[in-house]
Amino acid sequence: MRYGFECKEHGSFEVSQPILAEHKAYCPVCGELAQRLFASLDWRWAGSVFRENGSYREDKDYAPVMRG
């Protein structure tokens, strides 16, 4: 995963680290410990509970689950 960090003197940069890492990084210019940046999550609704005509979509309206 790529994580964002920011040095007080030289601005932001990204570092590739494993997910379970401690998430510390040092500025590539001055070598000082940098502050990790946290971004907001961007999520989107995958479907609508309403039909195109505005009425409520019932569970039976969705495609059936495939069974193996």
PDB file of N, CA and C in Angstrom:
ATOM      1  N   MET A   1       0.839  -1.177   0.000  1.00  0.00           N
ATOM      2  CA  MET A   1       0.000   0.000   0.000  1.00  0.00           C
ATOM      3  C   MET A   1       0.886   1.243   0.000  1.00  0.00           C
ATOM      4  N   ARG A   2       0.346   2.300  -0.562  1.00  0.00           N
ATOM      5  CA  ARG A   2       1.073   3.572  -0.572  1.00  0.00           C
ATOM      6  C   ARG A   2       0.462   4.480   0.485  1.00  0.00           C
ATOM      7  N   TYR A   3       1.331   5.064   1.300  1.00  0.00           N
ATOM      8  CA  TYR A   3       0.898   5.944   2.381  1.00  0.00           C
ATOM      9  C   TYR A   3       1.526   7.316   2.196  1.00  0.00           C
ATOM     10  N   GLY A   4       0.756   8.336   2.546  1.00  0.00           N
ATOM     11  CA  GLY A   4       1.231   9.703   2.423  1.00  0.00           C
ATOM     12  C   GLY A   4       1.840  10.199   3.725  1.00  0.00           C
ATOM     13  N   PHE A   5       2.939  10.933   3.590  1.00  0.00           N
ATOM     14  CA  PHE A   5       3.625  11.537   4.728  1.00  0.00           C
ATOM     15  C   PHE A   5       3.952  12.973   4.377  1.00  0.00           C
ATOM     16  N   GLU A   6       4.184  13.793   5.413  1.00  0.00           N
ATOM     17  CA  GLU A   6       4.523  15.183   5.158  1.00  0.00           C
ATOM     18  C   GLU A   6       5.667  15.625   6.071  1.00  0.00           C
ATOM     19  N   CYS A   7       6.666  16.220   5.443  1.00  0.00           N
ATOM     20  CA  CYS A   7       7.793  16.813   6.156  1.00  0.00           C
ATOM     21  C   CYS A   7       7.472  18.290   6.369  1.00  0.00           C
ATOM     22  N   LYS A   8       7.780  18.810   7.556  1.00  0.00           N
ATOM     23  CA  LYS A   8       7.502  20.228   7.844  1.00  0.00           C
ATOM     24  C   LYS A   8       8.270  21.150   6.907  1.00  0.00           C
ATOM     25  N   GLU A   9       9.466  20.749   6.513  1.00  0.00           N
ATOM     26  CA  GLU A   9      10.327  21.581   5.674  1.00  0.00           C
ATOM     27  C   GLU A   9      10.107  21.383   4.174  1.00  0.00           C
ATOM     28  N   HIS A  10       9.874  20.120   3.736  1.00  0.00           N
ATOM     29  CA  HIS A  10       9.903  19.812   2.308  1.00  0.00           C
ATOM     30  C   HIS A  10       8.580  19.327   1.713  1.00  0.00           C
ATOM     31  N   GLY A  11       7.514  19.353   2.470  1.00  0.00           N
ATOM     32  CA  GLY A  11       6.209  18.999   1.915  1.00  0.00           C
ATOM     33  C   GLY A  11       5.901  17.514   1.955  1.00  0.00           C
ATOM     34  N   SER A  12       4.913  17.112   1.161  1.00  0.00           N
ATOM     35  CA  SER A  12       4.405  15.746   1.218  1.00  0.00           C
ATOM     36  C   SER A  12       5.110  14.827   0.226  1.00  0.00           C
ATOM     37  N   PHE A  13       5.070  13.531   0.570  1.00  0.00           N
ATOM     38  CA  PHE A  13       5.620  12.479  -0.281  1.00  0.00           C
ATOM     39  C   PHE A  13       4.914  11.187   0.061  1.00  0.00           C
ATOM     40  N   GLU A  14       5.050  10.174  -0.789  1.00  0.00           N
ATOM     41  CA  GLU A  14       4.420   8.878  -0.570  1.00  0.00           C
ATOM     42  C   GLU A  14       5.473   7.805  -0.406  1.00  0.00           C
ATOM     43  N   VAL A  15       5.126   6.794   0.400  1.00  0.00           N
ATOM     44  CA  VAL A  15       6.019   5.664   0.646  1.00  0.00           C
ATOM     45  C   VAL A  15       5.196   4.391   0.521  1.00  0.00           C
ATOM     46  N   SER A  16       5.740   3.388  -0.134  1.00  0.00           N
ATOM     47  CA  SER A  16       5.095   2.091  -0.237  1.00  0.00           C
ATOM     48  C   SER A  16       5.529   1.236   0.950  1.00  0.00           C
ATOM     49  N   GLN A  17       4.536   0.771   1.748  1.00  0.00           N
ATOM     50  CA  GLN A  17       4.816  -0.026   2.932  1.00  0.00           C
ATOM     51  C   GLN A  17       3.791  -1.149   3.044  1.00  0.00           C
ATOM     52  N   PRO A  18       4.156  -2.257   3.729  1.00  0.00           N
ATOM     53  CA  PRO A  18       3.169  -3.310   3.978  1.00  0.00           C
ATOM     54  C   PRO A  18       2.038  -2.791   4.868  1.00  0.00           C
ATOM     55  N   ILE A  19       0.873  -3.392   4.773  1.00  0.00           N
ATOM     56  CA  ILE A  19      -0.284  -2.960   5.547  1.00  0.00           C
ATOM     57  C   ILE A  19      -0.006  -3.047   7.045  1.00  0.00           C
ATOM     58  N   LEU A  20       0.685  -4.082   7.481  1.00  0.00           N
ATOM     59  CA  LEU A  20       0.922  -4.292   8.911  1.00  0.00           C
ATOM     60  C   LEU A  20       2.165  -3.579   9.430  1.00  0.00           C
ATOM     61  N   ALA A  21       2.757  -2.713   8.646  1.00  0.00           N
ATOM     62  CA  ALA A  21       3.957  -1.982   9.063  1.00  0.00           C
ATOM     63  C   ALA A  21       3.609  -0.933  10.117  1.00  0.00           C
ATOM     64  N   GLU A  22       4.635  -0.395  10.761  1.00  0.00           N
ATOM     65  CA  GLU A  22       4.444   0.622  11.792  1.00  0.00           C
ATOM     66  C   GLU A  22       4.089   1.984  11.199  1.00  0.00           C
ATOM     67  N   HIS A  23       4.282   2.162   9.920  1.00  0.00           N
ATOM     68  CA  HIS A  23       3.955   3.380   9.174  1.00  0.00           C
ATOM     69  C   HIS A  23       4.729   4.598   9.661  1.00  0.00           C
ATOM     70  N   LYS A  24       6.027   4.455   9.711  1.00  0.00           N
ATOM     71  CA  LYS A  24       6.921   5.580   9.963  1.00  0.00           C
ATOM     72  C   LYS A  24       7.714   5.808   8.692  1.00  0.00           C
ATOM     73  N   ALA A  25       8.003   7.055   8.401  1.00  0.00           N
ATOM     74  CA  ALA A  25       8.806   7.370   7.226  1.00  0.00           C
ATOM     75  C   ALA A  25       9.645   8.610   7.512  1.00  0.00           C
ATOM     76  N   TYR A  26      10.774   8.661   6.850  1.00  0.00           N
ATOM     77  CA  TYR A  26      11.689   9.789   6.990  1.00  0.00           C
ATOM     78  C   TYR A  26      11.752  10.547   5.673  1.00  0.00           C
ATOM     79  N   CYS A  27      11.833  11.843   5.757  1.00  0.00           N
ATOM     80  CA  CYS A  27      11.880  12.697   4.578  1.00  0.00           C
ATOM     81  C   CYS A  27      13.063  12.281   3.700  1.00  0.00           C
ATOM     82  N   PRO A  28      12.841  12.099   2.403  1.00  0.00           N
ATOM     83  CA  PRO A  28      13.933  11.710   1.507  1.00  0.00           C
ATOM     84  C   PRO A  28      14.964  12.832   1.289  1.00  0.00           C
ATOM     85  N   VAL A  29      14.622  14.067   1.645  1.00  0.00           N
ATOM     86  CA  VAL A  29      15.535  15.194   1.451  1.00  0.00           C
ATOM     87  C   VAL A  29      16.389  15.443   2.689  1.00  0.00           C
ATOM     88  N   CYS A  30      15.724  15.613   3.862  1.00  0.00           N
ATOM     89  CA  CYS A  30      16.469  15.977   5.072  1.00  0.00           C
ATOM     90  C   CYS A  30      16.639  14.832   6.063  1.00  0.00           C
ATOM     91  N   GLY A  31      15.877  13.752   5.915  1.00  0.00           N
ATOM     92  CA  GLY A  31      16.016  12.608   6.803  1.00  0.00           C
ATOM     93  C   GLY A  31      15.264  12.719   8.115  1.00  0.00           C
ATOM     94  N   GLU A  32      14.471  13.774   8.300  1.00  0.00           N
ATOM     95  CA  GLU A  32      13.692  13.936   9.528  1.00  0.00           C
ATOM     96  C   GLU A  32      12.446  13.052   9.497  1.00  0.00           C
ATOM     97  N   LEU A  33      11.986  12.639  10.680  1.00  0.00           N
ATOM     98  CA  LEU A  33      10.764  11.843  10.792  1.00  0.00           C
ATOM     99  C   LEU A  33       9.583  12.671  10.289  1.00  0.00           C
ATOM    100  N   ALA A  34       8.781  12.090   9.409  1.00  0.00           N
ATOM    101  CA  ALA A  34       7.656  12.801   8.792  1.00  0.00           C
ATOM    102  C   ALA A  34       6.342  12.414   9.463  1.00  0.00           C
ATOM    103  N   GLN A  35       5.367  13.281   9.339  1.00  0.00           N
ATOM    104  CA  GLN A  35       4.023  13.057   9.872  1.00  0.00           C
ATOM    105  C   GLN A  35       3.193  12.304   8.846  1.00  0.00           C
ATOM    106  N   ARG A  36       2.500  11.242   9.280  1.00  0.00           N
ATOM    107  CA  ARG A  36       1.659  10.488   8.356  1.00  0.00           C
ATOM    108  C   ARG A  36       0.393  11.278   8.063  1.00  0.00           C
ATOM    109  N   LEU A  37      -0.037  11.268   6.798  1.00  0.00           N
ATOM    110  CA  LEU A  37      -1.268  11.938   6.382  1.00  0.00           C
ATOM    111  C   LEU A  37      -2.395  10.916   6.314  1.00  0.00           C
ATOM    112  N   PHE A  38      -3.560  11.293   6.779  1.00  0.00           N
ATOM    113  CA  PHE A  38      -4.722  10.419   6.719  1.00  0.00           C
ATOM    114  C   PHE A  38      -5.735  11.032   5.765  1.00  0.00           C
ATOM    115  N   ALA A  39      -6.237  10.215   4.851  1.00  0.00           N
ATOM    116  CA  ALA A  39      -7.214  10.683   3.873  1.00  0.00           C
ATOM    117  C   ALA A  39      -8.594  10.160   4.249  1.00  0.00           C
ATOM    118  N   SER A  40      -9.616  10.879   3.873  1.00  0.00           N
ATOM    119  CA  SER A  40     -10.978  10.415   4.128  1.00  0.00           C
ATOM    120  C   SER A  40     -11.311   9.281   3.161  1.00  0.00           C
ATOM    121  N   LEU A  41     -12.184   8.401   3.615  1.00  0.00           N
ATOM    122  CA  LEU A  41     -12.600   7.287   2.765  1.00  0.00           C
ATOM    123  C   LEU A  41     -13.562   7.778   1.710  1.00  0.00           C
ATOM    124  N   ASP A  42     -13.413   7.248   0.513  1.00  0.00           N
ATOM    125  CA  ASP A  42     -14.304   7.602  -0.585  1.00  0.00           C
ATOM    126  C   ASP A  42     -15.108   6.364  -0.939  1.00  0.00           C
ATOM    127  N   TRP A  43     -16.378   6.343  -0.557  1.00  0.00           N
ATOM    128  CA  TRP A  43     -17.202   5.181  -0.863  1.00  0.00           C
ATOM    129  C   TRP A  43     -18.414   5.623  -1.663  1.00  0.00           C
ATOM    130  N   ARG A  44     -18.926   4.684  -2.405  1.00  0.00           N
ATOM    131  CA  ARG A  44     -20.073   4.976  -3.257  1.00  0.00           C
ATOM    132  C   ARG A  44     -21.121   3.886  -3.072  1.00  0.00           C
ATOM    133  N   TRP A  45     -22.358   4.271  -3.154  1.00  0.00           N
ATOM    134  CA  TRP A  45     -23.448   3.313  -3.074  1.00  0.00           C
ATOM    135  C   TRP A  45     -23.463   2.509  -4.371  1.00  0.00           C
ATOM    136  N   ALA A  46     -23.488   1.188  -4.255  1.00  0.00           N
ATOM    137  CA  ALA A  46     -23.383   0.325  -5.426  1.00  0.00           C
ATOM    138  C   ALA A  46     -24.717   0.122  -6.132  1.00  0.00           C
ATOM    139  N   GLY A  47     -25.796   0.451  -5.493  1.00  0.00           N
ATOM    140  CA  GLY A  47     -27.090   0.270  -6.127  1.00  0.00           C
ATOM    141  C   GLY A  47     -28.131   1.138  -5.454  1.00  0.00           C
ATOM    142  N   SER A  48     -29.256   1.227  -6.048  1.00  0.00           N
ATOM    143  CA  SER A  48     -30.301   2.070  -5.503  1.00  0.00           C
ATOM    144  C   SER A  48     -31.407   1.204  -4.917  1.00  0.00           C
ATOM    145  N   VAL A  49     -32.007   1.660  -3.832  1.00  0.00           N
ATOM    146  CA  VAL A  49     -33.158   0.962  -3.262  1.00  0.00           C
ATOM    147  C   VAL A  49     -34.445   1.465  -3.901  1.00  0.00           C
ATOM    148  N   PHE A  50     -34.319   2.395  -4.857  1.00  0.00           N
ATOM    149  CA  PHE A  50     -35.473   2.919  -5.551  1.00  0.00           C
ATOM    150  C   PHE A  50     -35.411   2.583  -7.035  1.00  0.00           C
ATOM    151  N   ARG A  51     -36.567   2.347  -7.605  1.00  0.00           N
ATOM    152  CA  ARG A  51     -36.662   2.102  -9.047  1.00  0.00           C
ATOM    153  C   ARG A  51     -36.546   3.433  -9.788  1.00  0.00           C
ATOM    154  N   GLU A  52     -36.416   3.351 -11.098  1.00  0.00           N
ATOM    155  CA  GLU A  52     -36.308   4.567 -11.911  1.00  0.00           C
ATOM    156  C   GLU A  52     -37.541   5.455 -11.807  1.00  0.00           C
ATOM    157  N   ASN A  53     -38.717   4.851 -11.523  1.00  0.00           N
ATOM    158  CA  ASN A  53     -39.942   5.647 -11.401  1.00  0.00           C
ATOM    159  C   ASN A  53     -40.116   6.225  -9.996  1.00  0.00           C
ATOM    160  N   GLY A  54     -39.169   5.943  -9.075  1.00  0.00           N
ATOM    161  CA  GLY A  54     -39.221   6.508  -7.740  1.00  0.00           C
ATOM    162  C   GLY A  54     -39.816   5.603  -6.683  1.00  0.00           C
ATOM    163  N   SER A  55     -40.401   4.473  -7.079  1.00  0.00           N
ATOM    164  CA  SER A  55     -40.978   3.568  -6.092  1.00  0.00           C
ATOM    165  C   SER A  55     -39.882   2.729  -5.423  1.00  0.00           C
ATOM    166  N   TYR A  56     -40.181   2.198  -4.235  1.00  0.00           N
ATOM    167  CA  TYR A  56     -39.214   1.439  -3.454  1.00  0.00           C
ATOM    168  C   TYR A  56     -38.963   0.075  -4.087  1.00  0.00           C
ATOM    169  N   ARG A  57     -37.717  -0.327  -4.182  1.00  0.00           N
ATOM    170  CA  ARG A  57     -37.346  -1.611  -4.775  1.00  0.00           C
ATOM    171  C   ARG A  57     -37.408  -2.687  -3.690  1.00  0.00           C
ATOM    172  N   GLU A  58     -38.137  -3.750  -3.937  1.00  0.00           N
ATOM    173  CA  GLU A  58     -38.265  -4.866  -2.995  1.00  0.00           C
ATOM    174  C   GLU A  58     -37.100  -5.841  -3.164  1.00  0.00           C
ATOM    175  N   ASP A  59     -36.867  -6.675  -2.157  1.00  0.00           N
ATOM    176  CA  ASP A  59     -35.794  -7.665  -2.223  1.00  0.00           C
ATOM    177  C   ASP A  59     -35.942  -8.586  -3.431  1.00  0.00           C
ATOM    178  N   LYS A  60     -37.170  -8.947  -3.774  1.00  0.00           N
ATOM    179  CA  LYS A  60     -37.403  -9.874  -4.893  1.00  0.00           C
ATOM    180  C   LYS A  60     -37.013  -9.264  -6.242  1.00  0.00           C
ATOM    181  N   ASP A  61     -36.846  -7.952  -6.307  1.00  0.00           N
ATOM    182  CA  ASP A  61     -36.480  -7.288  -7.554  1.00  0.00           C
ATOM    183  C   ASP A  61     -34.997  -7.504  -7.921  1.00  0.00           C
ATOM    184  N   TYR A  62     -34.187  -7.875  -6.930  1.00  0.00           N
ATOM    185  CA  TYR A  62     -32.762  -8.068  -7.202  1.00  0.00           C
ATOM    186  C   TYR A  62     -32.522  -9.438  -7.824  1.00  0.00           C
ATOM    187  N   ALA A  63     -31.426  -9.586  -8.514  1.00  0.00           N
ATOM    188  CA  ALA A  63     -31.085 -10.860  -9.156  1.00  0.00           C
ATOM    189  C   ALA A  63     -30.888 -11.930  -8.085  1.00  0.00           C
ATOM    190  N   PRO A  64     -31.346 -13.161  -8.353  1.00  0.00           N
ATOM    191  CA  PRO A  64     -31.164 -14.237  -7.362  1.00  0.00           C
ATOM    192  C   PRO A  64     -29.685 -14.606  -7.215  1.00  0.00           C
ATOM    193  N   VAL A  65     -29.349 -15.081  -6.047  1.00  0.00           N
ATOM    194  CA  VAL A  65     -27.964 -15.483  -5.780  1.00  0.00           C
ATOM    195  C   VAL A  65     -27.717 -16.826  -6.448  1.00  0.00           C
ATOM    196  N   MET A  66     -26.581 -16.954  -7.110  1.00  0.00           N
ATOM    197  CA  MET A  66     -26.243 -18.211  -7.776  1.00  0.00           C
ATOM    198  C   MET A  66     -25.822 -19.227  -6.725  1.00  0.00           C
ATOM    199  N   ARG A  67     -26.315 -20.437  -6.837  1.00  0.00           N
ATOM    200  CA  ARG A  67     -25.981 -21.498  -5.898  1.00  0.00           C
ATOM    201  C   ARG A  67     -25.221 -22.588  -6.624  1.00  0.00           C
ATOM    202  N   GLY A  68     -24.188 -23.101  -5.993  1.00  0.00           N
ATOM    203  CA  GLY A  68     -23.321 -24.078  -6.642  1.00  0.00           C
ATOM    204  C   GLY A  68     -23.597 -25.473  -6.383  1.00  0.00           C
TER     205      GLY A  68
END
